[in-house]
């Protein structure tokens, strides 16, 4: 490794959305600081698997509904 080109790697506290604190090592901020998360793995649907269902359908369903009457006549 080259000297004097890498950021300082130090301990900090990560505070989850529910208030849980985890000690971690990072290059973020200064030693002893805390990092508060707005979104974390305990609450975000990407990690929990719980997702909202959109009852109106997706973009393709909206397109088909909007242009259902157009097309070739039989």
Protein backbone atom coordinates (compact mmCIF):
# COMPACT_ATOMS: atom_id res chain seq x y z
CA UNK A 1 0.00 0.00 0.00
CA UNK A 2 1.16 3.50 -0.74
CA UNK A 3 1.66 5.69 2.31
CA UNK A 4 -0.46 8.80 3.05
CA UNK A 5 -3.12 8.24 0.36
CA UNK A 6 -5.68 6.20 2.31
CA UNK A 7 -8.35 7.73 4.57
CA UNK A 8 -8.21 7.12 8.31
CA UNK A 9 -10.05 3.95 9.35
CA UNK A 10 -11.59 4.28 12.83
CA UNK A 11 -14.39 3.14 15.16
CA UNK A 12 -17.85 4.74 15.07
CA UNK A 13 -21.36 3.90 16.24
CA UNK A 14 -24.15 3.19 13.75
CA UNK A 15 -27.63 4.00 15.13
CA UNK A 16 -30.45 2.07 13.43
CA UNK A 17 -33.96 3.49 12.95
CA UNK A 18 -35.25 1.64 16.04
CA UNK A 19 -32.47 3.08 18.24
CA UNK A 20 -30.25 0.00 18.23
CA UNK A 21 -26.56 0.92 18.25
CA UNK A 22 -23.87 -1.11 16.49
CA UNK A 23 -20.13 -0.51 16.74
CA UNK A 24 -18.44 -0.50 13.34
CA UNK A 25 -15.23 0.56 11.67
CA UNK A 26 -15.38 3.03 8.81
CA UNK A 27 -13.71 5.93 7.04
CA UNK A 28 -16.84 8.08 7.61
CA UNK A 29 -16.48 11.15 9.82
CA UNK A 30 -14.16 11.23 12.80
CA UNK A 31 -13.36 8.67 15.48
CA UNK A 32 -16.15 8.33 18.07
CA UNK A 33 -18.88 9.91 15.91
CA UNK A 34 -22.23 8.23 15.36
CA UNK A 35 -24.01 7.64 12.06
CA UNK A 36 -27.83 7.71 12.17
CA UNK A 37 -29.58 5.69 9.48
CA UNK A 38 -32.89 6.75 7.91
CA UNK A 39 -33.33 3.33 6.29
CA UNK A 40 -31.87 0.12 7.63
CA UNK A 41 -32.03 -3.61 7.00
CA UNK A 42 -34.61 -4.18 9.76
CA UNK A 43 -37.25 -1.92 8.19
CA UNK A 44 -36.55 -1.60 4.45
CA UNK A 45 -38.69 -3.85 2.19
CA UNK A 46 -35.67 -4.84 0.10
CA UNK A 47 -34.31 -6.82 3.06
CA UNK A 48 -37.47 -7.73 4.99
CA UNK A 49 -39.36 -9.19 2.03
CA UNK A 50 -42.54 -7.33 3.04
CA UNK A 51 -43.64 -5.08 0.21
CA UNK A 52 -46.67 -2.93 -0.54
CA UNK A 53 -48.96 -4.23 -3.19
CA UNK A 54 -49.99 -1.76 -5.85
CA UNK A 55 -53.60 -2.64 -6.54
CA UNK A 56 -53.95 -0.45 -9.61
CA UNK A 57 -51.39 -2.49 -11.55
CA UNK A 58 -48.08 -1.65 -13.10
CA UNK A 59 -47.19 0.47 -16.11
CA UNK A 60 -48.11 -2.26 -18.60
CA UNK A 61 -51.54 -2.74 -16.99
CA UNK A 62 -52.15 1.01 -17.07
CA UNK A 63 -51.13 1.14 -20.73
CA UNK A 64 -53.41 -1.76 -21.65
CA UNK A 65 -56.33 -0.20 -19.77
CA UNK A 66 -55.80 3.19 -21.40
CA UNK A 67 -55.46 1.91 -24.96
CA UNK A 68 -57.71 -1.16 -24.82
CA UNK A 69 -60.17 0.28 -27.38
CA UNK A 70 -57.51 1.04 -29.99
CA UNK A 71 -56.28 -1.50 -32.45
CA UNK A 72 -57.21 -3.40 -35.55
CA UNK A 73 -60.88 -4.03 -36.15
CA UNK A 74 -61.88 -7.66 -36.62
